[in-house]
N, C-alpha and C. Protein backbone atom coordinates (compact mmCIF):
# COMPACT_ATOMS: atom_id res chain seq x y z
N UNK A 1 54.57 188.08 23.90
CA UNK A 1 55.60 187.16 23.54
C UNK A 1 55.02 186.13 22.58
N UNK A 2 55.71 185.88 21.44
CA UNK A 2 55.18 184.96 20.44
C UNK A 2 55.21 183.52 20.95
N UNK A 3 54.21 182.78 20.52
CA UNK A 3 54.09 181.36 20.87
C UNK A 3 55.08 180.55 20.05
N UNK A 4 55.76 179.58 20.65
CA UNK A 4 56.67 178.74 19.87
C UNK A 4 55.87 177.79 18.97
N UNK A 5 56.43 177.49 17.80
CA UNK A 5 55.77 176.58 16.87
C UNK A 5 55.81 175.17 17.41
N UNK A 6 54.73 174.45 17.16
CA UNK A 6 54.65 173.06 17.60
C UNK A 6 55.48 172.19 16.66
N UNK A 7 56.20 171.31 17.25
CA UNK A 7 57.02 170.38 16.48
C UNK A 7 56.24 169.10 16.22
N UNK A 8 56.49 168.49 15.07
CA UNK A 8 55.95 167.16 14.80
C UNK A 8 54.52 167.14 14.30
N UNK A 9 53.95 168.29 13.93
CA UNK A 9 52.60 168.24 13.38
C UNK A 9 52.69 167.91 11.90
N UNK A 10 51.85 167.03 11.48
CA UNK A 10 51.87 166.62 10.07
C UNK A 10 50.53 166.95 9.44
N UNK A 11 50.57 167.31 8.18
CA UNK A 11 49.33 167.57 7.45
C UNK A 11 48.70 166.24 7.05
N UNK A 12 47.39 166.22 7.07
CA UNK A 12 46.68 165.02 6.63
C UNK A 12 46.74 164.93 5.12
N UNK A 13 46.94 163.73 4.64
CA UNK A 13 46.93 163.52 3.20
C UNK A 13 45.48 163.49 2.72
N UNK A 14 45.22 164.17 1.65
CA UNK A 14 43.87 164.17 1.11
C UNK A 14 43.77 163.14 0.01
N UNK A 15 42.66 162.46 -0.01
CA UNK A 15 42.43 161.43 -1.03
C UNK A 15 42.04 162.10 -2.33
N UNK A 16 42.59 161.64 -3.41
CA UNK A 16 42.29 162.21 -4.72
C UNK A 16 41.50 161.22 -5.56
N UNK A 17 40.41 160.74 -5.02
CA UNK A 17 39.58 159.82 -5.78
C UNK A 17 38.50 160.61 -6.49
N UNK A 18 38.00 160.04 -7.60
CA UNK A 18 36.94 160.70 -8.37
C UNK A 18 35.66 160.68 -7.55
N UNK A 19 34.92 161.76 -7.58
CA UNK A 19 33.67 161.79 -6.82
C UNK A 19 32.66 160.80 -7.42
N UNK A 20 31.91 160.17 -6.52
CA UNK A 20 30.89 159.24 -6.98
C UNK A 20 29.69 160.04 -7.47
N UNK A 21 29.06 159.60 -8.59
CA UNK A 21 27.90 160.33 -9.06
C UNK A 21 26.74 160.18 -8.08
N UNK A 22 25.89 161.18 -8.06
CA UNK A 22 24.71 161.14 -7.20
C UNK A 22 23.80 160.00 -7.65
N UNK A 23 23.04 159.39 -6.72
CA UNK A 23 22.18 158.26 -7.07
C UNK A 23 21.16 158.59 -8.16
N UNK A 24 20.70 159.85 -8.26
CA UNK A 24 19.73 160.17 -9.28
C UNK A 24 20.38 160.76 -10.53
N UNK A 25 21.70 160.69 -10.61
CA UNK A 25 22.43 161.11 -11.79
C UNK A 25 22.12 160.13 -12.92
N UNK A 26 21.79 160.61 -14.13
CA UNK A 26 21.45 159.70 -15.23
C UNK A 26 22.53 158.67 -15.53
N UNK A 27 23.79 159.04 -15.40
CA UNK A 27 24.86 158.08 -15.68
C UNK A 27 24.91 156.95 -14.66
N UNK A 28 24.69 157.28 -13.39
CA UNK A 28 24.71 156.22 -12.38
C UNK A 28 23.49 155.31 -12.55
N UNK A 29 22.35 155.91 -12.92
CA UNK A 29 21.17 155.08 -13.17
C UNK A 29 21.38 154.19 -14.39
N UNK A 30 22.05 154.71 -15.41
CA UNK A 30 22.34 153.91 -16.59
C UNK A 30 23.28 152.76 -16.23
N UNK A 31 24.27 153.02 -15.39
CA UNK A 31 25.16 151.96 -14.92
C UNK A 31 24.39 150.89 -14.16
N UNK A 32 23.48 151.32 -13.30
CA UNK A 32 22.67 150.37 -12.52
C UNK A 32 21.78 149.54 -13.45
N UNK A 33 21.24 150.18 -14.46
CA UNK A 33 20.40 149.47 -15.42
C UNK A 33 21.23 148.45 -16.20
N UNK A 34 22.43 148.84 -16.63
CA UNK A 34 23.32 147.92 -17.34
C UNK A 34 23.68 146.73 -16.46
N UNK A 35 23.95 147.00 -15.18
CA UNK A 35 24.26 145.91 -14.25
C UNK A 35 23.08 144.96 -14.10
N UNK A 36 21.88 145.51 -14.01
CA UNK A 36 20.68 144.67 -13.88
C UNK A 36 20.49 143.81 -15.12
N UNK A 37 20.71 144.40 -16.29
CA UNK A 37 20.56 143.64 -17.53
C UNK A 37 21.63 142.56 -17.66
N UNK A 38 22.84 142.86 -17.18
CA UNK A 38 23.92 141.88 -17.23
C UNK A 38 23.61 140.66 -16.38
N UNK A 39 22.93 140.86 -15.27
CA UNK A 39 22.60 139.76 -14.37
C UNK A 39 21.31 139.04 -14.78
N UNK A 40 20.60 139.57 -15.78
CA UNK A 40 19.32 139.00 -16.18
C UNK A 40 19.49 137.85 -17.15
N UNK A 41 18.47 137.02 -17.19
CA UNK A 41 18.40 135.92 -18.14
C UNK A 41 17.08 136.06 -18.88
N UNK A 42 17.13 135.96 -20.19
CA UNK A 42 15.90 136.08 -20.95
C UNK A 42 15.43 134.70 -21.39
N UNK A 43 14.25 134.34 -20.94
CA UNK A 43 13.61 133.09 -21.34
C UNK A 43 12.19 133.40 -21.74
N UNK A 44 11.73 132.79 -22.82
CA UNK A 44 10.34 132.98 -23.21
C UNK A 44 9.45 132.08 -22.37
N UNK A 45 8.18 132.42 -22.29
CA UNK A 45 7.22 131.59 -21.58
C UNK A 45 7.15 130.19 -22.18
N UNK A 46 7.26 130.10 -23.50
CA UNK A 46 7.22 128.79 -24.17
C UNK A 46 8.40 127.92 -23.74
N UNK A 47 9.56 128.52 -23.64
CA UNK A 47 10.76 127.75 -23.25
C UNK A 47 10.64 127.26 -21.80
N UNK A 48 10.14 128.11 -20.93
CA UNK A 48 9.93 127.71 -19.53
C UNK A 48 8.93 126.56 -19.48
N UNK A 49 7.82 126.70 -20.22
CA UNK A 49 6.80 125.66 -20.25
C UNK A 49 7.37 124.35 -20.77
N UNK A 50 8.22 124.41 -21.77
CA UNK A 50 8.84 123.22 -22.35
C UNK A 50 9.70 122.48 -21.31
N UNK A 51 10.50 123.21 -20.57
CA UNK A 51 11.37 122.60 -19.57
C UNK A 51 10.56 121.98 -18.43
N UNK A 52 9.54 122.69 -17.99
CA UNK A 52 8.71 122.18 -16.90
C UNK A 52 7.89 120.97 -17.36
N UNK A 53 7.38 121.01 -18.59
CA UNK A 53 6.65 119.85 -19.13
C UNK A 53 7.55 118.62 -19.16
N UNK A 54 8.81 118.83 -19.51
CA UNK A 54 9.76 117.71 -19.52
C UNK A 54 9.93 117.14 -18.11
N UNK A 55 10.00 118.01 -17.11
CA UNK A 55 10.13 117.54 -15.72
C UNK A 55 8.90 116.75 -15.31
N UNK A 56 7.72 117.17 -15.76
CA UNK A 56 6.49 116.44 -15.43
C UNK A 56 6.50 115.07 -16.11
N UNK A 57 6.89 115.02 -17.37
CA UNK A 57 6.96 113.73 -18.10
C UNK A 57 7.91 112.76 -17.42
N UNK A 58 8.98 113.28 -16.87
CA UNK A 58 9.96 112.41 -16.20
C UNK A 58 9.54 112.05 -14.78
N UNK A 59 8.43 112.61 -14.31
CA UNK A 59 7.95 112.30 -12.98
C UNK A 59 8.67 113.06 -11.89
N UNK A 60 9.34 114.13 -12.23
CA UNK A 60 10.11 114.92 -11.25
C UNK A 60 9.22 115.90 -10.47
N UNK A 61 8.05 116.24 -11.05
CA UNK A 61 7.12 117.14 -10.37
C UNK A 61 5.71 116.89 -10.88
N UNK A 62 4.74 117.33 -10.09
CA UNK A 62 3.34 117.13 -10.48
C UNK A 62 2.93 118.23 -11.46
N UNK A 63 1.87 117.98 -12.20
CA UNK A 63 1.36 118.96 -13.17
C UNK A 63 0.95 120.26 -12.45
N UNK A 64 0.31 120.14 -11.30
CA UNK A 64 -0.13 121.33 -10.55
C UNK A 64 1.07 122.16 -10.10
N UNK A 65 2.10 121.49 -9.58
CA UNK A 65 3.32 122.21 -9.18
C UNK A 65 3.97 122.88 -10.38
N UNK A 66 3.96 122.18 -11.51
CA UNK A 66 4.56 122.72 -12.73
C UNK A 66 3.83 123.98 -13.19
N UNK A 67 2.50 123.92 -13.18
CA UNK A 67 1.73 125.09 -13.60
C UNK A 67 1.95 126.27 -12.66
N UNK A 68 2.00 125.99 -11.37
CA UNK A 68 2.27 127.06 -10.40
C UNK A 68 3.65 127.67 -10.63
N UNK A 69 4.63 126.82 -10.88
CA UNK A 69 5.99 127.30 -11.11
C UNK A 69 6.06 128.17 -12.36
N UNK A 70 5.44 127.71 -13.44
CA UNK A 70 5.47 128.48 -14.69
C UNK A 70 4.80 129.84 -14.48
N UNK A 71 3.64 129.87 -13.84
CA UNK A 71 2.94 131.13 -13.61
C UNK A 71 3.77 132.08 -12.76
N UNK A 72 4.42 131.56 -11.75
CA UNK A 72 5.25 132.40 -10.87
C UNK A 72 6.45 132.95 -11.62
N UNK A 73 7.12 132.12 -12.40
CA UNK A 73 8.28 132.57 -13.18
C UNK A 73 7.88 133.63 -14.21
N UNK A 74 6.77 133.41 -14.88
CA UNK A 74 6.32 134.39 -15.88
C UNK A 74 5.93 135.69 -15.20
N UNK A 75 5.26 135.60 -14.07
CA UNK A 75 4.87 136.81 -13.34
C UNK A 75 6.10 137.60 -12.89
N UNK A 76 7.09 136.90 -12.34
CA UNK A 76 8.32 137.58 -11.92
C UNK A 76 9.05 138.18 -13.12
N UNK A 77 9.08 137.46 -14.22
CA UNK A 77 9.72 137.96 -15.43
C UNK A 77 9.05 139.22 -15.96
N UNK A 78 7.72 139.22 -15.95
CA UNK A 78 6.99 140.41 -16.41
C UNK A 78 7.27 141.60 -15.51
N UNK A 79 7.30 141.37 -14.21
CA UNK A 79 7.57 142.47 -13.29
C UNK A 79 8.96 143.04 -13.53
N UNK A 80 9.93 142.15 -13.71
CA UNK A 80 11.29 142.61 -13.95
C UNK A 80 11.37 143.38 -15.27
N UNK A 81 10.68 142.89 -16.28
CA UNK A 81 10.66 143.59 -17.57
C UNK A 81 10.05 144.97 -17.42
N UNK A 82 8.94 145.07 -16.70
CA UNK A 82 8.31 146.37 -16.48
C UNK A 82 9.23 147.31 -15.72
N UNK A 83 9.97 146.79 -14.76
CA UNK A 83 10.92 147.62 -14.01
C UNK A 83 12.01 148.16 -14.93
N UNK A 84 12.53 147.29 -15.80
CA UNK A 84 13.59 147.72 -16.72
C UNK A 84 13.05 148.76 -17.70
N UNK A 85 11.85 148.52 -18.22
CA UNK A 85 11.24 149.48 -19.14
C UNK A 85 11.00 150.81 -18.43
N UNK A 86 10.55 150.74 -17.18
CA UNK A 86 10.36 151.97 -16.41
C UNK A 86 11.67 152.73 -16.22
N UNK A 87 12.74 152.01 -15.95
CA UNK A 87 14.05 152.66 -15.80
C UNK A 87 14.48 153.31 -17.11
N UNK A 88 14.27 152.61 -18.22
CA UNK A 88 14.64 153.16 -19.52
C UNK A 88 13.81 154.40 -19.82
N UNK A 89 12.50 154.32 -19.58
CA UNK A 89 11.64 155.49 -19.81
C UNK A 89 12.06 156.66 -18.95
N UNK A 90 12.42 156.39 -17.71
CA UNK A 90 12.85 157.46 -16.81
C UNK A 90 14.13 158.10 -17.33
N UNK A 91 15.07 157.28 -17.78
CA UNK A 91 16.32 157.83 -18.33
C UNK A 91 16.06 158.63 -19.59
N UNK A 92 15.21 158.12 -20.46
CA UNK A 92 14.90 158.84 -21.68
C UNK A 92 14.12 160.10 -21.39
N UNK A 93 13.27 160.05 -20.39
CA UNK A 93 12.50 161.23 -20.00
C UNK A 93 13.39 162.36 -19.55
N UNK A 94 14.51 162.03 -18.91
CA UNK A 94 15.47 163.06 -18.49
C UNK A 94 16.05 163.76 -19.70
N UNK A 95 16.21 163.03 -20.80
CA UNK A 95 16.79 163.60 -22.01
C UNK A 95 15.91 164.64 -22.66
N UNK A 96 14.61 164.66 -22.34
CA UNK A 96 13.69 165.60 -22.97
C UNK A 96 14.09 167.04 -22.67
N UNK A 97 14.57 167.28 -21.49
CA UNK A 97 14.92 168.64 -21.11
C UNK A 97 16.27 169.06 -21.66
N UNK A 98 17.06 168.11 -22.16
CA UNK A 98 18.40 168.44 -22.62
C UNK A 98 18.52 168.49 -24.13
N UNK A 99 17.40 168.35 -24.88
CA UNK A 99 17.47 168.55 -26.31
C UNK A 99 17.41 167.29 -27.15
N UNK A 100 17.10 166.16 -26.62
CA UNK A 100 17.00 164.94 -27.41
C UNK A 100 15.61 164.78 -28.00
N UNK A 101 14.98 165.89 -28.43
CA UNK A 101 13.59 165.86 -28.88
C UNK A 101 13.34 164.92 -30.05
N UNK A 102 14.16 165.01 -31.07
CA UNK A 102 13.92 164.19 -32.26
C UNK A 102 13.99 162.71 -31.92
N UNK A 103 14.96 162.35 -31.13
CA UNK A 103 15.12 160.95 -30.72
C UNK A 103 13.92 160.52 -29.88
N UNK A 104 13.51 161.37 -28.95
CA UNK A 104 12.39 161.02 -28.08
C UNK A 104 11.08 160.89 -28.86
N UNK A 105 10.89 161.68 -29.90
CA UNK A 105 9.68 161.53 -30.73
C UNK A 105 9.65 160.15 -31.36
N UNK A 106 10.81 159.70 -31.87
CA UNK A 106 10.88 158.36 -32.46
C UNK A 106 10.68 157.28 -31.41
N UNK A 107 11.25 157.48 -30.24
CA UNK A 107 11.07 156.51 -29.14
C UNK A 107 9.60 156.45 -28.76
N UNK A 108 8.94 157.60 -28.69
CA UNK A 108 7.52 157.62 -28.37
C UNK A 108 6.71 156.82 -29.38
N UNK A 109 7.00 157.04 -30.67
CA UNK A 109 6.28 156.31 -31.72
C UNK A 109 6.48 154.81 -31.57
N UNK A 110 7.72 154.40 -31.38
CA UNK A 110 8.02 152.97 -31.24
C UNK A 110 7.38 152.40 -29.98
N UNK A 111 7.44 153.14 -28.90
CA UNK A 111 6.88 152.69 -27.63
C UNK A 111 5.37 152.50 -27.75
N UNK A 112 4.70 153.44 -28.42
CA UNK A 112 3.25 153.32 -28.60
C UNK A 112 2.92 152.16 -29.53
N UNK A 113 3.75 151.95 -30.55
CA UNK A 113 3.49 150.88 -31.51
C UNK A 113 3.51 149.50 -30.86
N UNK A 114 4.38 149.31 -29.89
CA UNK A 114 4.46 148.01 -29.22
C UNK A 114 3.67 147.97 -27.92
N UNK A 115 3.02 149.08 -27.57
CA UNK A 115 2.15 149.10 -26.40
C UNK A 115 2.86 149.19 -25.07
N UNK A 116 4.04 149.79 -25.03
CA UNK A 116 4.78 149.93 -23.77
C UNK A 116 4.42 151.27 -23.14
N UNK A 117 4.13 151.25 -21.87
CA UNK A 117 3.83 152.48 -21.15
C UNK A 117 2.35 152.81 -21.25
N UNK A 118 1.91 153.73 -20.43
CA UNK A 118 0.50 154.04 -20.39
C UNK A 118 0.19 155.43 -20.92
N UNK A 119 1.13 156.36 -20.86
CA UNK A 119 0.86 157.71 -21.34
C UNK A 119 1.47 157.89 -22.72
N UNK A 120 0.76 158.53 -23.65
CA UNK A 120 1.22 158.60 -25.04
C UNK A 120 2.52 159.35 -25.30
N UNK A 121 2.87 160.32 -24.44
CA UNK A 121 4.07 161.13 -24.70
C UNK A 121 5.04 160.95 -23.53
N UNK A 122 6.21 160.41 -23.84
CA UNK A 122 7.23 160.14 -22.84
C UNK A 122 7.79 161.45 -22.27
N UNK A 123 7.92 161.53 -20.96
CA UNK A 123 8.50 162.71 -20.31
C UNK A 123 7.64 163.95 -20.47
N UNK A 124 6.34 163.76 -20.60
CA UNK A 124 5.41 164.84 -20.90
C UNK A 124 5.56 166.04 -19.96
N UNK A 125 5.63 165.80 -18.68
CA UNK A 125 5.65 166.90 -17.71
C UNK A 125 6.94 167.72 -17.76
N UNK A 126 7.97 167.20 -18.43
CA UNK A 126 9.23 167.94 -18.55
C UNK A 126 9.31 168.72 -19.87
N UNK A 127 8.30 168.57 -20.74
CA UNK A 127 8.32 169.22 -22.05
C UNK A 127 7.64 170.58 -22.01
N UNK A 128 8.09 171.47 -22.91
CA UNK A 128 7.40 172.75 -23.02
C UNK A 128 6.27 172.62 -24.03
N UNK A 129 5.45 173.65 -24.15
CA UNK A 129 4.26 173.60 -25.00
C UNK A 129 4.61 173.31 -26.46
N UNK A 130 5.67 173.90 -26.95
CA UNK A 130 6.08 173.68 -28.34
C UNK A 130 6.48 172.23 -28.60
N UNK A 131 7.21 171.65 -27.68
CA UNK A 131 7.62 170.25 -27.83
C UNK A 131 6.41 169.32 -27.82
N UNK A 132 5.45 169.62 -26.97
CA UNK A 132 4.26 168.78 -26.90
C UNK A 132 3.46 168.91 -28.18
N UNK A 133 3.28 170.13 -28.67
CA UNK A 133 2.51 170.36 -29.88
C UNK A 133 3.11 169.62 -31.07
N UNK A 134 4.43 169.57 -31.15
CA UNK A 134 5.11 168.84 -32.23
C UNK A 134 4.79 167.35 -32.21
N UNK A 135 4.55 166.80 -31.04
CA UNK A 135 4.32 165.36 -30.91
C UNK A 135 2.87 164.94 -31.07
N UNK A 136 1.96 165.88 -31.17
CA UNK A 136 0.55 165.54 -31.25
C UNK A 136 0.16 164.86 -32.56
N UNK A 137 0.89 165.13 -33.63
CA UNK A 137 0.53 164.62 -34.95
C UNK A 137 0.53 163.11 -35.05
N UNK A 138 1.28 162.42 -34.21
CA UNK A 138 1.38 160.96 -34.27
C UNK A 138 0.35 160.25 -33.42
N UNK A 139 -0.49 161.00 -32.71
CA UNK A 139 -1.39 160.38 -31.75
C UNK A 139 -2.77 160.08 -32.33
N UNK A 140 -3.37 159.01 -31.83
CA UNK A 140 -4.74 158.65 -32.20
C UNK A 140 -5.70 159.57 -31.44
N UNK A 141 -6.96 159.63 -31.87
CA UNK A 141 -7.92 160.46 -31.13
C UNK A 141 -8.01 160.07 -29.64
N UNK A 142 -7.98 158.78 -29.33
CA UNK A 142 -8.05 158.35 -27.93
C UNK A 142 -6.83 158.86 -27.15
N UNK A 143 -5.66 158.80 -27.76
CA UNK A 143 -4.44 159.28 -27.11
C UNK A 143 -4.48 160.80 -26.95
N UNK A 144 -5.03 161.49 -27.96
CA UNK A 144 -5.16 162.94 -27.86
C UNK A 144 -6.08 163.33 -26.69
N UNK A 145 -7.16 162.59 -26.52
CA UNK A 145 -8.08 162.87 -25.40
C UNK A 145 -7.38 162.63 -24.06
N UNK A 146 -6.56 161.59 -24.01
CA UNK A 146 -5.82 161.30 -22.77
C UNK A 146 -4.86 162.43 -22.43
N UNK A 147 -4.16 162.93 -23.46
CA UNK A 147 -3.23 164.04 -23.26
C UNK A 147 -4.01 165.30 -22.85
N UNK A 148 -5.14 165.55 -23.52
CA UNK A 148 -5.97 166.72 -23.20
C UNK A 148 -6.42 166.69 -21.74
N UNK A 149 -6.90 165.53 -21.29
CA UNK A 149 -7.36 165.42 -19.91
C UNK A 149 -6.23 165.67 -18.92
N UNK A 150 -5.06 165.11 -19.21
CA UNK A 150 -3.90 165.31 -18.34
C UNK A 150 -3.50 166.79 -18.32
N UNK A 151 -3.49 167.41 -19.50
CA UNK A 151 -3.11 168.82 -19.59
C UNK A 151 -4.09 169.70 -18.81
N UNK A 152 -5.36 169.42 -18.93
CA UNK A 152 -6.36 170.20 -18.19
C UNK A 152 -6.18 170.09 -16.69
N UNK A 153 -5.86 168.87 -16.22
CA UNK A 153 -5.69 168.65 -14.77
C UNK A 153 -4.40 169.25 -14.23
N UNK A 154 -3.42 169.46 -15.08
CA UNK A 154 -2.11 169.88 -14.60
C UNK A 154 -1.75 171.29 -15.06
N UNK A 155 -0.99 171.43 -16.13
CA UNK A 155 -0.50 172.75 -16.54
C UNK A 155 -1.59 173.62 -17.15
N UNK A 156 -2.57 173.02 -17.83
CA UNK A 156 -3.71 173.73 -18.41
C UNK A 156 -3.26 174.87 -19.35
N UNK A 157 -2.30 174.54 -20.24
CA UNK A 157 -1.78 175.54 -21.18
C UNK A 157 -2.73 175.68 -22.37
N UNK A 158 -3.16 176.91 -22.64
CA UNK A 158 -4.13 177.16 -23.71
C UNK A 158 -3.60 176.71 -25.07
N UNK A 159 -2.33 176.98 -25.35
CA UNK A 159 -1.78 176.63 -26.66
C UNK A 159 -1.80 175.12 -26.89
N UNK A 160 -1.51 174.35 -25.87
CA UNK A 160 -1.52 172.89 -26.00
C UNK A 160 -2.96 172.40 -26.17
N UNK A 161 -3.86 172.92 -25.36
CA UNK A 161 -5.26 172.49 -25.44
C UNK A 161 -5.88 172.85 -26.79
N UNK A 162 -5.55 174.03 -27.32
CA UNK A 162 -6.06 174.42 -28.64
C UNK A 162 -5.51 173.51 -29.73
N UNK A 163 -4.22 173.18 -29.64
CA UNK A 163 -3.61 172.29 -30.64
C UNK A 163 -4.28 170.93 -30.61
N UNK A 164 -4.57 170.42 -29.43
CA UNK A 164 -5.23 169.12 -29.30
C UNK A 164 -6.63 169.19 -29.90
N UNK A 165 -7.38 170.25 -29.61
CA UNK A 165 -8.73 170.40 -30.16
C UNK A 165 -8.70 170.46 -31.68
N UNK A 166 -7.71 171.16 -32.27
CA UNK A 166 -7.57 171.21 -33.74
C UNK A 166 -7.34 169.82 -34.30
N UNK A 167 -6.52 169.02 -33.63
CA UNK A 167 -6.23 167.67 -34.12
C UNK A 167 -7.46 166.76 -33.99
N UNK A 168 -8.29 166.99 -32.98
CA UNK A 168 -9.45 166.15 -32.78
C UNK A 168 -10.59 166.45 -33.75
N UNK A 169 -10.58 167.62 -34.40
CA UNK A 169 -11.65 167.98 -35.34
C UNK A 169 -11.46 167.34 -36.69
């Protein structure tokens, strides 16, 4: 004998909201970086020193307290700057695998020129041998040795190591 249908059952309404991007999604990281920059204030060390010196002249704080305050503010500012640069490098490093090679080569050159970062080639571990070989021409002998040592310790690709040795001769 068939079961009678239940009366009064209602279907649940499903929410049609856009899915949130994953935390390691480049777009969500870019949004987080933009938010951090929006909340940031840029002050030079000279400007901070000027304001604190004025407070000392007015007798609002002692010279020792002023020097401690300036050092702490500059230290915090440097750390925040390094964090932002790290986020930018990480975002740009993701682009290496998606074809932004020409742009990344220019970014690498600019980054090395101003002394940002410690490794000569941005996103190195995500690049293939051909991409790395293309970027060797802009490196100094010291940077080439750094790349060679890293390559030997990690992927140890013969084509990359040979290209580096040719550049070093």
